[in-house]
Amino acid sequence: MKQPIQKRHCDEHAAAEYLGLSVNTLRDWRTHRTGPVFARFGRSVRYPLDELERFAEAARVQVAA
């Protein structure tokens, strides 16, 4: 019996939802080479899930109590 394949990339719609952003924001960031790391597979844009987590973690702001 085959083990299920773990998904390692998601499309821009899932990435935007994960980050709480619009797809247009991600598209704008790609144009300006900012934002999370992404990959192109032909014409398809995919975001590595571990990079989305890393990007979100790096964006955290510590507020002094």
N, C-alpha and C. Protein backbone atom coordinates (compact mmCIF):
# COMPACT_ATOMS: atom_id res chain seq x y z
N MET A 1 0.84 -1.18 0.00
CA MET A 1 0.00 0.00 0.00
C MET A 1 0.88 1.25 0.00
N LYS A 2 0.60 2.17 -0.90
CA LYS A 2 1.38 3.39 -1.00
C LYS A 2 1.02 4.35 0.13
N GLN A 3 2.04 5.08 0.58
CA GLN A 3 1.79 6.11 1.57
C GLN A 3 1.30 7.36 0.84
N PRO A 4 0.40 8.12 1.48
CA PRO A 4 -0.08 9.34 0.82
C PRO A 4 1.06 10.35 0.65
N ILE A 5 1.03 11.04 -0.45
CA ILE A 5 2.04 12.06 -0.73
C ILE A 5 1.71 13.31 0.08
N GLN A 6 2.71 13.80 0.80
CA GLN A 6 2.51 15.02 1.55
C GLN A 6 2.71 16.21 0.63
N LYS A 7 1.78 17.11 0.68
CA LYS A 7 1.84 18.30 -0.14
C LYS A 7 2.92 19.24 0.39
N ARG A 8 3.83 19.70 -0.49
CA ARG A 8 4.92 20.57 -0.06
C ARG A 8 4.80 21.97 -0.65
N HIS A 9 3.90 22.15 -1.62
CA HIS A 9 3.70 23.44 -2.25
C HIS A 9 2.20 23.73 -2.33
N CYS A 10 1.86 25.02 -2.41
CA CYS A 10 0.46 25.39 -2.61
C CYS A 10 0.40 26.50 -3.67
N ASP A 11 -0.78 26.70 -4.23
CA ASP A 11 -0.93 27.74 -5.24
C ASP A 11 -1.08 29.10 -4.56
N GLU A 12 -1.15 30.15 -5.38
CA GLU A 12 -1.18 31.50 -4.83
C GLU A 12 -2.45 31.78 -4.05
N HIS A 13 -3.55 31.13 -4.39
CA HIS A 13 -4.79 31.36 -3.66
C HIS A 13 -4.70 30.79 -2.25
N ALA A 14 -4.16 29.59 -2.12
CA ALA A 14 -3.99 28.99 -0.80
C ALA A 14 -2.94 29.75 0.01
N ALA A 15 -1.87 30.22 -0.64
CA ALA A 15 -0.84 30.99 0.05
C ALA A 15 -1.40 32.30 0.57
N ALA A 16 -2.20 32.98 -0.24
CA ALA A 16 -2.81 34.24 0.19
C ALA A 16 -3.74 34.01 1.37
N GLU A 17 -4.51 32.96 1.32
CA GLU A 17 -5.42 32.64 2.43
C GLU A 17 -4.62 32.33 3.70
N TYR A 18 -3.56 31.55 3.57
CA TYR A 18 -2.72 31.19 4.71
C TYR A 18 -2.14 32.43 5.38
N LEU A 19 -1.69 33.40 4.58
CA LEU A 19 -1.07 34.61 5.12
C LEU A 19 -2.08 35.70 5.45
N GLY A 20 -3.33 35.51 5.06
CA GLY A 20 -4.35 36.52 5.32
C GLY A 20 -4.19 37.73 4.41
N LEU A 21 -3.74 37.50 3.19
CA LEU A 21 -3.50 38.55 2.22
C LEU A 21 -4.34 38.31 0.98
N SER A 22 -4.35 39.29 0.09
CA SER A 22 -5.04 39.08 -1.18
C SER A 22 -4.07 38.45 -2.19
N VAL A 23 -4.63 37.79 -3.16
CA VAL A 23 -3.82 37.23 -4.25
C VAL A 23 -3.10 38.35 -4.98
N ASN A 24 -3.76 39.50 -5.13
CA ASN A 24 -3.13 40.63 -5.81
C ASN A 24 -1.89 41.12 -5.06
N THR A 25 -1.92 41.08 -3.74
CA THR A 25 -0.74 41.46 -2.96
C THR A 25 0.42 40.53 -3.27
N LEU A 26 0.17 39.23 -3.28
CA LEU A 26 1.24 38.28 -3.61
C LEU A 26 1.76 38.50 -5.03
N ARG A 27 0.87 38.77 -5.96
CA ARG A 27 1.29 39.03 -7.34
C ARG A 27 2.15 40.29 -7.41
N ASP A 28 1.75 41.33 -6.69
CA ASP A 28 2.53 42.56 -6.66
C ASP A 28 3.90 42.31 -6.05
N TRP A 29 3.96 41.57 -4.97
CA TRP A 29 5.24 41.25 -4.34
C TRP A 29 6.14 40.46 -5.29
N ARG A 30 5.56 39.52 -6.05
CA ARG A 30 6.38 38.76 -7.00
C ARG A 30 6.97 39.69 -8.06
N THR A 31 6.16 40.63 -8.53
CA THR A 31 6.63 41.59 -9.54
C THR A 31 7.81 42.39 -9.01
N HIS A 32 7.76 42.76 -7.73
CA HIS A 32 8.80 43.58 -7.11
C HIS A 32 9.87 42.74 -6.40
N ARG A 33 9.79 41.41 -6.54
CA ARG A 33 10.75 40.50 -5.94
C ARG A 33 10.85 40.67 -4.42
N THR A 34 9.69 40.84 -3.79
CA THR A 34 9.61 40.86 -2.33
C THR A 34 8.64 39.76 -1.91
N GLY A 35 8.40 39.64 -0.63
CA GLY A 35 7.45 38.65 -0.15
C GLY A 35 8.07 37.27 -0.02
N PRO A 36 7.23 36.26 0.15
CA PRO A 36 7.73 34.91 0.38
C PRO A 36 8.36 34.30 -0.87
N VAL A 37 9.24 33.34 -0.63
CA VAL A 37 9.89 32.59 -1.72
C VAL A 37 8.81 31.83 -2.49
N PHE A 38 8.96 31.80 -3.81
CA PHE A 38 8.03 31.04 -4.64
C PHE A 38 8.80 30.27 -5.70
N ALA A 39 8.11 29.37 -6.36
CA ALA A 39 8.71 28.57 -7.42
C ALA A 39 7.80 28.65 -8.64
N ARG A 40 8.40 28.55 -9.80
CA ARG A 40 7.63 28.48 -11.05
C ARG A 40 7.82 27.08 -11.64
N PHE A 41 6.72 26.48 -11.97
CA PHE A 41 6.71 25.21 -12.68
C PHE A 41 5.99 25.49 -14.00
N GLY A 42 6.78 25.84 -15.01
CA GLY A 42 6.18 26.30 -16.25
C GLY A 42 5.54 27.65 -16.00
N ARG A 43 4.24 27.76 -16.23
CA ARG A 43 3.52 29.01 -15.98
C ARG A 43 2.87 29.03 -14.60
N SER A 44 2.94 27.92 -13.89
CA SER A 44 2.32 27.82 -12.57
C SER A 44 3.24 28.35 -11.49
N VAL A 45 2.68 29.14 -10.60
CA VAL A 45 3.42 29.66 -9.45
C VAL A 45 2.99 28.86 -8.22
N ARG A 46 3.97 28.39 -7.48
CA ARG A 46 3.70 27.63 -6.26
C ARG A 46 4.56 28.16 -5.13
N TYR A 47 4.02 28.09 -3.93
CA TYR A 47 4.72 28.54 -2.74
C TYR A 47 5.04 27.33 -1.87
N PRO A 48 6.31 27.13 -1.52
CA PRO A 48 6.66 26.05 -0.60
C PRO A 48 6.05 26.34 0.77
N LEU A 49 5.39 25.36 1.34
CA LEU A 49 4.72 25.56 2.63
C LEU A 49 5.69 25.95 3.73
N ASP A 50 6.88 25.35 3.74
CA ASP A 50 7.85 25.70 4.78
C ASP A 50 8.33 27.14 4.64
N GLU A 51 8.39 27.66 3.41
CA GLU A 51 8.79 29.05 3.21
C GLU A 51 7.70 30.02 3.64
N LEU A 52 6.43 29.64 3.47
CA LEU A 52 5.34 30.48 3.96
C LEU A 52 5.39 30.59 5.47
N GLU A 53 5.66 29.47 6.14
CA GLU A 53 5.78 29.49 7.60
C GLU A 53 6.96 30.36 8.02
N ARG A 54 8.08 30.22 7.34
CA ARG A 54 9.28 31.01 7.65
C ARG A 54 9.01 32.50 7.43
N PHE A 55 8.33 32.85 6.35
CA PHE A 55 8.00 34.24 6.05
C PHE A 55 7.09 34.82 7.13
N ALA A 56 6.08 34.07 7.53
CA ALA A 56 5.15 34.54 8.56
C ALA A 56 5.88 34.71 9.90
N GLU A 57 6.76 33.81 10.22
CA GLU A 57 7.52 33.89 11.47
C GLU A 57 8.43 35.11 11.47
N ALA A 58 9.06 35.39 10.35
CA ALA A 58 9.97 36.54 10.24
C ALA A 58 9.22 37.86 10.32
N ALA A 59 7.94 37.87 10.02
CA ALA A 59 7.14 39.09 10.03
C ALA A 59 6.60 39.42 11.42
N ARG A 60 6.79 38.51 12.38
CA ARG A 60 6.28 38.75 13.74
C ARG A 60 6.95 39.97 14.35
N VAL A 61 6.17 40.73 15.10
CA VAL A 61 6.69 41.90 15.79
C VAL A 61 6.49 41.69 17.27
N GLN A 62 7.57 41.84 18.02
CA GLN A 62 7.50 41.70 19.48
C GLN A 62 7.13 43.05 20.09
N VAL A 63 6.10 43.08 20.88
CA VAL A 63 5.65 44.30 21.53
C VAL A 63 6.07 44.26 22.99
N ALA A 64 6.74 45.30 23.44
CA ALA A 64 7.19 45.35 24.83
C ALA A 64 5.97 45.50 25.76
N ALA A 65 6.03 44.80 26.87
CA ALA A 65 4.90 44.84 27.81
C ALA A 65 5.01 46.01 28.75
